[in-house]
Protein backbone atom coordinates (compact mmCIF):
# COMPACT_ATOMS: atom_id res chain seq x y z
CA MET A 1 81.28 88.73 90.28
CA THR A 2 84.93 87.71 88.45
CA MET A 3 87.86 91.00 88.35
CA GLN A 4 88.30 92.12 85.01
CA ILE A 5 92.04 93.62 84.29
CA TRP A 6 91.29 97.25 82.63
CA VAL A 7 94.57 98.58 80.66
CA ASP A 8 94.98 102.43 79.57
CA ALA A 9 96.77 101.22 77.07
CA ASP A 10 98.08 104.38 75.38
CA ALA A 11 101.30 105.30 77.15
CA CYS A 12 101.61 101.94 78.83
CA PRO A 13 104.79 100.43 78.22
CA LYS A 14 105.34 97.66 76.02
CA VAL A 15 106.85 95.24 79.03
CA ILE A 16 104.32 96.19 81.47
CA ARG A 17 101.31 94.79 78.43
CA ASP A 18 103.79 91.57 78.49
CA THR A 19 103.66 91.06 82.02
CA LEU A 20 99.80 91.50 82.17
CA VAL A 21 99.31 89.42 79.19
CA ARG A 22 101.19 86.40 80.78
CA ALA A 23 99.24 87.31 83.65
CA ALA A 24 96.02 86.97 82.20
CA GLU A 25 97.28 84.00 80.07
CA ARG A 26 98.34 82.44 83.46
CA THR A 27 94.71 83.06 85.63
CA GLY A 28 92.02 83.15 83.01
CA LEU A 29 91.10 86.59 83.60
CA GLU A 30 89.64 89.17 81.15
CA LEU A 31 92.20 91.37 79.88
CA THR A 32 91.08 94.64 78.13
CA PHE A 33 93.47 97.46 76.33
CA VAL A 34 91.67 100.64 75.62
CA ALA A 35 93.79 102.59 73.34
CA ASN A 36 93.03 104.95 70.13
CA HIS A 37 95.24 103.16 68.63
CA ASN A 38 95.36 99.53 67.63
CA VAL A 39 97.10 97.69 70.45
CA PRO A 40 97.96 93.98 69.05
CA VAL A 41 97.41 90.81 71.58
CA PRO A 42 97.58 87.23 71.27
CA LYS A 43 94.58 85.45 70.16
CA ARG A 44 92.96 84.42 73.50
CA VAL A 45 89.39 84.28 74.81
CA ASN A 46 90.12 86.32 77.74
CA ILE A 47 92.23 88.94 75.86
CA HIS A 48 91.09 91.48 74.02
CA SER A 49 91.60 95.01 72.29
CA ILE A 50 89.39 97.91 71.90
CA GLN A 51 89.98 100.87 70.00
CA VAL A 52 88.39 104.67 70.71
CA ALA A 53 88.23 107.14 68.80
CA SER A 54 91.41 109.77 69.06
CA GLY A 55 90.55 112.80 71.44
CA PHE A 56 91.53 113.64 74.95
CA ASP A 57 89.99 111.45 77.49
CA ILE A 58 87.72 109.52 75.31
CA ALA A 59 90.05 106.18 76.11
CA ASP A 60 89.66 107.04 79.80
CA ASN A 61 86.12 107.69 79.55
CA GLU A 62 85.76 104.45 77.99
CA ILE A 63 87.25 102.24 80.90
CA VAL A 64 85.52 104.30 83.53
CA LYS A 65 82.44 103.19 81.59
CA ARG A 66 82.58 99.73 81.85
CA VAL A 67 84.81 99.38 84.61
CA ASN A 68 82.92 97.09 87.81
CA PRO A 69 83.39 97.68 91.71
CA GLY A 70 86.46 94.89 92.25
CA ASP A 71 87.94 95.53 88.88
CA LEU A 72 91.85 96.30 88.30
CA VAL A 73 92.88 99.26 86.40
CA ILE A 74 96.25 99.63 85.16
CA THR A 75 97.02 103.28 84.06
CA SER A 76 99.34 106.36 85.10
CA ASP A 77 96.78 109.12 84.77
CA ILE A 78 95.49 110.43 87.95
CA PRO A 79 92.21 111.44 87.12
CA LEU A 80 91.28 108.45 85.51
CA ALA A 81 92.70 106.55 88.57
CA ASP A 82 90.56 108.91 91.25
CA GLU A 83 87.29 107.55 88.97
CA VAL A 84 88.21 104.01 89.21
CA ILE A 85 88.39 104.63 92.99
CA ASP A 86 85.21 106.54 92.95
CA LYS A 87 83.48 103.02 91.07
CA LYS A 88 85.23 101.17 94.12
CA GLY A 89 87.78 99.28 91.57
CA GLN A 90 91.14 99.37 91.93
CA ALA A 91 94.11 101.22 90.49
CA LEU A 92 97.72 100.29 90.05
CA SER A 93 100.21 102.17 88.11
CA PRO A 94 102.49 100.72 85.03
CA ARG A 95 105.22 102.12 87.65
CA GLY A 96 103.87 99.83 90.92
CA GLU A 97 102.14 102.36 92.50
CA LEU A 98 98.84 101.37 94.09
CA TYR A 99 96.56 104.51 94.38
CA THR A 100 94.35 104.45 97.36
CA LYS A 101 91.14 106.54 98.45
CA ASP A 102 93.99 107.54 100.70
CA THR A 103 96.81 108.55 98.28
CA ILE A 104 94.94 109.71 95.32
CA LYS A 105 93.78 113.30 96.13
CA VAL A 106 97.36 114.27 97.54
CA ARG A 107 98.67 112.86 93.49
CA LEU A 108 95.79 114.77 92.24
CA ASN A 109 97.08 118.05 94.40
CA ILE A 110 100.50 117.77 92.82
CA ARG A 111 99.08 116.49 89.37
CA ASP A 112 97.54 120.35 89.19
CA PHE A 113 100.48 121.79 90.94
CA MET A 114 102.70 120.41 87.69
CA ASP A 115 99.75 121.67 85.37
CA THR A 116 100.06 125.41 87.23
CA MET A 117 104.03 125.30 87.08
CA ARG A 118 103.67 123.85 83.26
CA SER A 119 101.15 126.48 82.17
CA SER A 120 103.59 129.72 84.00
CA GLY A 121 106.57 128.03 81.64
CA VAL A 122 108.78 126.27 84.34
CA GLN A 123 109.65 123.40 82.15
CA THR A 124 109.29 120.27 84.73
CA GLY A 125 110.27 117.48 82.34
CA GLY A 126 108.80 114.09 81.84
CA PRO A 127 108.97 111.06 83.78
CA SER A 128 112.16 109.06 83.99
CA ALA A 129 112.43 105.84 81.86
CA LEU A 130 110.72 102.60 83.41
CA SER A 131 113.42 100.75 85.60
CA GLN A 132 114.34 97.68 86.66
CA THR A 133 112.64 98.62 89.88
CA ASP A 134 109.76 100.13 88.33
CA ARG A 135 108.67 97.14 86.41
CA ARG A 136 109.24 94.87 89.95
CA GLU A 137 107.06 96.95 92.17
CA PHE A 138 104.21 96.72 89.10
CA ALA A 139 104.84 92.68 89.10
CA ASN A 140 104.89 92.45 92.94
CA HIS A 141 101.30 94.81 93.31
CA LEU A 142 99.82 92.64 90.55
CA ASP A 143 100.59 89.46 92.13
CA ARG A 144 98.94 90.50 95.37
CA ILE A 145 96.02 91.85 93.96
CA LEU A 146 95.70 88.47 91.60
CA ALA A 147 96.16 86.37 94.72
CA LYS A 148 93.64 88.48 96.67
CA ARG A 149 90.72 87.57 94.52
């Protein structure tokens, strides 16, 4: 079975989407963007976009439903990454962090702690802008994953 790449595209930066499109064009792998808005994609037989209804976790649920063992999911959503790993897929953040069975539980605990802090009124701020280092880390991890397939 061939690896497929799924993208949680609602919050995926354009520069990362562009990197993924180039990788799909180079390798011929199936690449599918899933979002609650239209994600324009080049007209290629192996590159797709699925628009789902708006709502909490609708795109995530669609990805979980479709992902197969060995597939790669690009997401910064920690609970989605956890579900992908449970289904024997791989999860990579747009910042280049490869989530693993060993690291995902810690990431879930940190996420839950930060949610608790925010709900108690503490201003935690959002993530920093995507840096050149983040882009390089993403591209390097993606290349290593694609080389292993």
